[in-house]
Amino acid sequence: MTIGEIYKLSDAHPPAFGEVTSVTENEFWNEILEEDEQVRLAWADWYQWNEKDVYCIQGGGFEVERLVPATADEVAIYRQKVEEYKDYWEGEG
């Protein structure tokens, strides 16, 4: 996991993409095992889009194991969608 690289949260529907800003070790209570566990979370603003709208999960942390590096094509689309998202919200303000 590399800070500044763009990753894909592949099990999200639609997939989410984000440029990782930090990775932390977080403790959480696992109800199934009934004990605390450590998990590594990658933090970023995660962007998703459908055919016309772009959504952002701001400052979300997801388990590192759920992420895969984005391809060059996916990175290009991600950058375009981030700009669309920012342009939309700047126009609203």
N, C-alpha and C. Protein backbone atom coordinates (compact mmCIF):
# COMPACT_ATOMS: atom_id res chain seq x y z
N MET A 1 0.86 -1.18 0.00
CA MET A 1 0.00 0.00 0.00
C MET A 1 0.90 1.23 0.00
N THR A 2 0.74 2.09 -1.02
CA THR A 2 1.59 3.26 -1.17
C THR A 2 0.76 4.53 -1.06
N ILE A 3 1.19 5.42 -0.19
CA ILE A 3 0.52 6.72 -0.03
C ILE A 3 0.65 7.48 -1.36
N GLY A 4 -0.44 8.09 -1.80
CA GLY A 4 -0.43 8.87 -3.04
C GLY A 4 -0.82 8.07 -4.28
N GLU A 5 -0.90 6.76 -4.15
CA GLU A 5 -1.33 5.93 -5.28
C GLU A 5 -2.85 5.80 -5.26
N ILE A 6 -3.41 5.51 -6.43
CA ILE A 6 -4.86 5.38 -6.55
C ILE A 6 -5.23 3.90 -6.53
N TYR A 7 -6.17 3.58 -5.65
CA TYR A 7 -6.61 2.20 -5.47
C TYR A 7 -8.10 2.09 -5.75
N LYS A 8 -8.50 0.86 -6.01
CA LYS A 8 -9.89 0.54 -6.31
C LYS A 8 -10.45 -0.33 -5.18
N LEU A 9 -11.58 0.09 -4.64
CA LEU A 9 -12.32 -0.72 -3.67
C LEU A 9 -13.22 -1.62 -4.50
N SER A 10 -12.71 -2.79 -4.81
CA SER A 10 -13.34 -3.61 -5.85
C SER A 10 -14.65 -4.25 -5.43
N ASP A 11 -14.90 -4.38 -4.12
CA ASP A 11 -16.15 -5.02 -3.72
C ASP A 11 -17.28 -4.02 -3.50
N ALA A 12 -17.05 -2.75 -3.81
CA ALA A 12 -18.12 -1.75 -3.77
C ALA A 12 -18.88 -1.80 -5.09
N HIS A 13 -20.15 -1.44 -5.05
CA HIS A 13 -20.97 -1.44 -6.28
C HIS A 13 -21.67 -0.11 -6.43
N PRO A 14 -21.29 0.73 -7.39
CA PRO A 14 -20.16 0.53 -8.31
C PRO A 14 -18.83 0.64 -7.57
N PRO A 15 -17.72 0.18 -8.19
CA PRO A 15 -16.42 0.28 -7.53
C PRO A 15 -16.11 1.73 -7.13
N ALA A 16 -15.35 1.89 -6.06
CA ALA A 16 -14.92 3.21 -5.62
C ALA A 16 -13.42 3.32 -5.81
N PHE A 17 -12.96 4.54 -6.09
CA PHE A 17 -11.55 4.79 -6.33
C PHE A 17 -11.10 5.93 -5.44
N GLY A 18 -9.87 5.85 -4.94
CA GLY A 18 -9.36 6.92 -4.10
C GLY A 18 -7.85 6.97 -4.12
N GLU A 19 -7.32 8.17 -3.92
CA GLU A 19 -5.88 8.37 -3.78
C GLU A 19 -5.56 8.30 -2.29
N VAL A 20 -4.85 7.28 -1.88
CA VAL A 20 -4.63 7.00 -0.46
C VAL A 20 -3.80 8.11 0.18
N THR A 21 -4.32 8.64 1.29
CA THR A 21 -3.63 9.72 2.01
C THR A 21 -2.91 9.22 3.25
N SER A 22 -3.38 8.12 3.83
CA SER A 22 -2.71 7.54 5.00
C SER A 22 -3.20 6.12 5.21
N VAL A 23 -2.39 5.36 5.97
CA VAL A 23 -2.75 4.00 6.34
C VAL A 23 -2.56 3.89 7.84
N THR A 24 -3.56 3.38 8.54
CA THR A 24 -3.48 3.27 9.99
C THR A 24 -3.82 1.86 10.44
N GLU A 25 -3.37 1.53 11.64
CA GLU A 25 -3.75 0.29 12.30
C GLU A 25 -4.90 0.65 13.24
N ASN A 26 -6.03 0.03 13.06
CA ASN A 26 -7.18 0.32 13.91
C ASN A 26 -7.66 -0.94 14.60
N GLU A 27 -8.07 -0.78 15.84
CA GLU A 27 -8.61 -1.90 16.60
C GLU A 27 -10.12 -1.86 16.53
N PHE A 28 -10.73 -3.01 16.32
CA PHE A 28 -12.19 -3.06 16.31
C PHE A 28 -12.65 -4.36 16.97
N TRP A 29 -13.89 -4.33 17.42
CA TRP A 29 -14.47 -5.49 18.10
C TRP A 29 -15.12 -6.40 17.08
N ASN A 30 -14.64 -7.61 16.99
CA ASN A 30 -15.19 -8.60 16.07
C ASN A 30 -16.25 -9.41 16.84
N GLU A 31 -17.51 -9.17 16.52
CA GLU A 31 -18.59 -9.83 17.25
C GLU A 31 -18.60 -11.35 17.03
N ILE A 32 -18.15 -11.79 15.87
CA ILE A 32 -18.15 -13.22 15.59
C ILE A 32 -17.12 -13.94 16.45
N LEU A 33 -15.91 -13.38 16.51
CA LEU A 33 -14.86 -14.01 17.32
C LEU A 33 -14.90 -13.56 18.78
N GLU A 34 -15.70 -12.54 19.05
CA GLU A 34 -15.84 -11.97 20.39
C GLU A 34 -14.49 -11.57 20.98
N GLU A 35 -13.71 -10.86 20.17
CA GLU A 35 -12.44 -10.33 20.65
C GLU A 35 -12.04 -9.15 19.77
N ASP A 36 -11.08 -8.36 20.27
CA ASP A 36 -10.58 -7.24 19.49
C ASP A 36 -9.65 -7.75 18.40
N GLU A 37 -9.68 -7.09 17.27
CA GLU A 37 -8.77 -7.41 16.17
C GLU A 37 -8.13 -6.13 15.67
N GLN A 38 -6.95 -6.26 15.08
CA GLN A 38 -6.29 -5.13 14.43
C GLN A 38 -6.55 -5.22 12.93
N VAL A 39 -6.83 -4.09 12.33
CA VAL A 39 -7.04 -4.06 10.89
C VAL A 39 -6.32 -2.83 10.34
N ARG A 40 -5.74 -2.97 9.17
CA ARG A 40 -5.09 -1.84 8.50
C ARG A 40 -6.12 -1.18 7.59
N LEU A 41 -6.30 0.13 7.77
CA LEU A 41 -7.24 0.90 6.96
C LEU A 41 -6.50 1.89 6.10
N ALA A 42 -6.91 1.99 4.84
CA ALA A 42 -6.38 2.99 3.91
C ALA A 42 -7.41 4.11 3.81
N TRP A 43 -6.96 5.34 4.07
CA TRP A 43 -7.85 6.50 4.13
C TRP A 43 -7.72 7.34 2.88
N ALA A 44 -8.87 7.80 2.38
CA ALA A 44 -8.90 8.63 1.17
C ALA A 44 -10.31 9.20 1.00
N ASP A 45 -10.46 10.11 0.06
CA ASP A 45 -11.79 10.47 -0.44
C ASP A 45 -12.06 9.47 -1.55
N TRP A 46 -13.11 8.67 -1.38
CA TRP A 46 -13.41 7.60 -2.33
C TRP A 46 -14.53 8.05 -3.25
N TYR A 47 -14.28 7.98 -4.54
CA TYR A 47 -15.23 8.44 -5.55
C TYR A 47 -15.88 7.26 -6.26
N GLN A 48 -17.20 7.37 -6.43
CA GLN A 48 -17.98 6.40 -7.20
C GLN A 48 -18.81 7.18 -8.21
N TRP A 49 -19.20 6.53 -9.28
CA TRP A 49 -20.04 7.21 -10.26
C TRP A 49 -20.92 6.20 -10.98
N ASN A 50 -22.08 6.72 -11.38
CA ASN A 50 -22.94 5.96 -12.28
C ASN A 50 -22.84 6.63 -13.64
N GLU A 51 -23.81 6.50 -14.47
CA GLU A 51 -23.68 7.05 -15.83
C GLU A 51 -23.66 8.57 -15.86
N LYS A 52 -24.26 9.24 -14.86
CA LYS A 52 -24.28 10.70 -14.92
C LYS A 52 -23.84 11.40 -13.65
N ASP A 53 -23.90 10.75 -12.50
CA ASP A 53 -23.59 11.41 -11.24
C ASP A 53 -22.33 10.84 -10.62
N VAL A 54 -21.57 11.72 -9.94
CA VAL A 54 -20.36 11.33 -9.23
C VAL A 54 -20.60 11.54 -7.75
N TYR A 55 -20.25 10.55 -6.95
CA TYR A 55 -20.44 10.62 -5.50
C TYR A 55 -19.09 10.51 -4.81
N CYS A 56 -19.00 11.08 -3.62
CA CYS A 56 -17.75 11.02 -2.87
C CYS A 56 -18.00 10.60 -1.43
N ILE A 57 -17.29 9.58 -0.98
CA ILE A 57 -17.26 9.20 0.43
C ILE A 57 -16.03 9.89 1.00
N GLN A 58 -16.22 11.00 1.67
CA GLN A 58 -15.09 11.81 2.10
C GLN A 58 -14.44 11.24 3.34
N GLY A 59 -13.12 11.13 3.29
CA GLY A 59 -12.34 10.69 4.44
C GLY A 59 -12.67 9.31 4.93
N GLY A 60 -13.00 8.40 4.01
CA GLY A 60 -13.34 7.04 4.39
C GLY A 60 -12.12 6.16 4.53
N GLY A 61 -12.18 5.22 5.47
CA GLY A 61 -11.11 4.25 5.63
C GLY A 61 -11.62 2.85 5.35
N PHE A 62 -10.94 2.13 4.47
CA PHE A 62 -11.34 0.77 4.11
C PHE A 62 -10.17 -0.19 4.32
N GLU A 63 -10.50 -1.43 4.63
CA GLU A 63 -9.48 -2.43 4.89
C GLU A 63 -8.57 -2.58 3.67
N VAL A 64 -7.27 -2.61 3.94
CA VAL A 64 -6.27 -2.70 2.87
C VAL A 64 -6.52 -3.94 2.01
N GLU A 65 -6.96 -5.02 2.63
CA GLU A 65 -7.17 -6.28 1.88
C GLU A 65 -8.27 -6.16 0.83
N ARG A 66 -9.12 -5.16 0.94
CA ARG A 66 -10.22 -4.99 -0.02
C ARG A 66 -9.82 -4.14 -1.22
N LEU A 67 -8.59 -3.64 -1.23
CA LEU A 67 -8.16 -2.70 -2.26
C LEU A 67 -7.20 -3.35 -3.25
N VAL A 68 -7.30 -2.93 -4.51
CA VAL A 68 -6.36 -3.34 -5.55
C VAL A 68 -5.89 -2.09 -6.27
N PRO A 69 -4.65 -2.09 -6.79
CA PRO A 69 -4.19 -0.92 -7.53
C PRO A 69 -5.08 -0.67 -8.76
N ALA A 70 -5.36 0.60 -9.01
CA ALA A 70 -6.15 0.95 -10.20
C ALA A 70 -5.26 0.85 -11.44
N THR A 71 -5.88 0.48 -12.55
CA THR A 71 -5.15 0.42 -13.81
C THR A 71 -4.96 1.83 -14.36
N ALA A 72 -4.11 1.99 -15.36
CA ALA A 72 -3.88 3.31 -15.97
C ALA A 72 -5.18 3.88 -16.53
N ASP A 73 -6.00 3.03 -17.17
CA ASP A 73 -7.28 3.50 -17.70
C ASP A 73 -8.21 3.95 -16.59
N GLU A 74 -8.25 3.17 -15.50
CA GLU A 74 -9.11 3.54 -14.37
C GLU A 74 -8.64 4.84 -13.72
N VAL A 75 -7.33 5.04 -13.62
CA VAL A 75 -6.79 6.27 -13.05
C VAL A 75 -7.21 7.47 -13.89
N ALA A 76 -7.15 7.35 -15.21
CA ALA A 76 -7.55 8.45 -16.09
C ALA A 76 -9.03 8.80 -15.89
N ILE A 77 -9.87 7.80 -15.82
CA ILE A 77 -11.30 8.04 -15.60
C ILE A 77 -11.52 8.63 -14.21
N TYR A 78 -10.82 8.11 -13.21
CA TYR A 78 -10.93 8.62 -11.84
C TYR A 78 -10.61 10.12 -11.82
N ARG A 79 -9.50 10.52 -12.44
CA ARG A 79 -9.11 11.94 -12.43
C ARG A 79 -10.19 12.81 -13.11
N GLN A 80 -10.75 12.31 -14.20
CA GLN A 80 -11.82 13.03 -14.89
C GLN A 80 -13.05 13.18 -13.98
N LYS A 81 -13.41 12.10 -13.31
CA LYS A 81 -14.60 12.13 -12.45
C LYS A 81 -14.40 13.02 -11.23
N VAL A 82 -13.19 13.05 -10.68
CA VAL A 82 -12.90 13.95 -9.56
C VAL A 82 -13.09 15.40 -10.00
N GLU A 83 -12.62 15.72 -11.19
CA GLU A 83 -12.79 17.09 -11.71
C GLU A 83 -14.27 17.41 -11.91
N GLU A 84 -15.02 16.46 -12.46
CA GLU A 84 -16.47 16.66 -12.63
C GLU A 84 -17.14 16.92 -11.29
N TYR A 85 -16.75 16.16 -10.27
CA TYR A 85 -17.33 16.31 -8.94
C TYR A 85 -17.00 17.70 -8.38
N LYS A 86 -15.74 18.10 -8.49
CA LYS A 86 -15.33 19.41 -7.97
C LYS A 86 -16.00 20.54 -8.73
N ASP A 87 -16.05 20.43 -10.06
CA ASP A 87 -16.71 21.47 -10.87
C ASP A 87 -18.18 21.62 -10.49
N TYR A 88 -18.85 20.51 -10.26
CA TYR A 88 -20.26 20.55 -9.88
C TYR A 88 -20.44 21.31 -8.56
N TRP A 89 -19.65 20.95 -7.56
CA TRP A 89 -19.82 21.56 -6.24
C TRP A 89 -19.35 23.00 -6.20
N GLU A 90 -18.35 23.36 -7.01
CA GLU A 90 -17.93 24.76 -7.09
C GLU A 90 -19.02 25.60 -7.75
N GLY A 91 -19.71 25.03 -8.72
CA GLY A 91 -20.81 25.73 -9.39
C GLY A 91 -22.00 25.94 -8.48
N GLU A 92 -22.18 25.03 -7.51
CA GLU A 92 -23.30 25.14 -6.57
C GLU A 92 -23.03 26.21 -5.50
N GLY A 93 -21.76 26.43 -5.20
CA GLY A 93 -21.40 27.33 -4.09
C GLY A 93 -21.36 28.70 -4.49
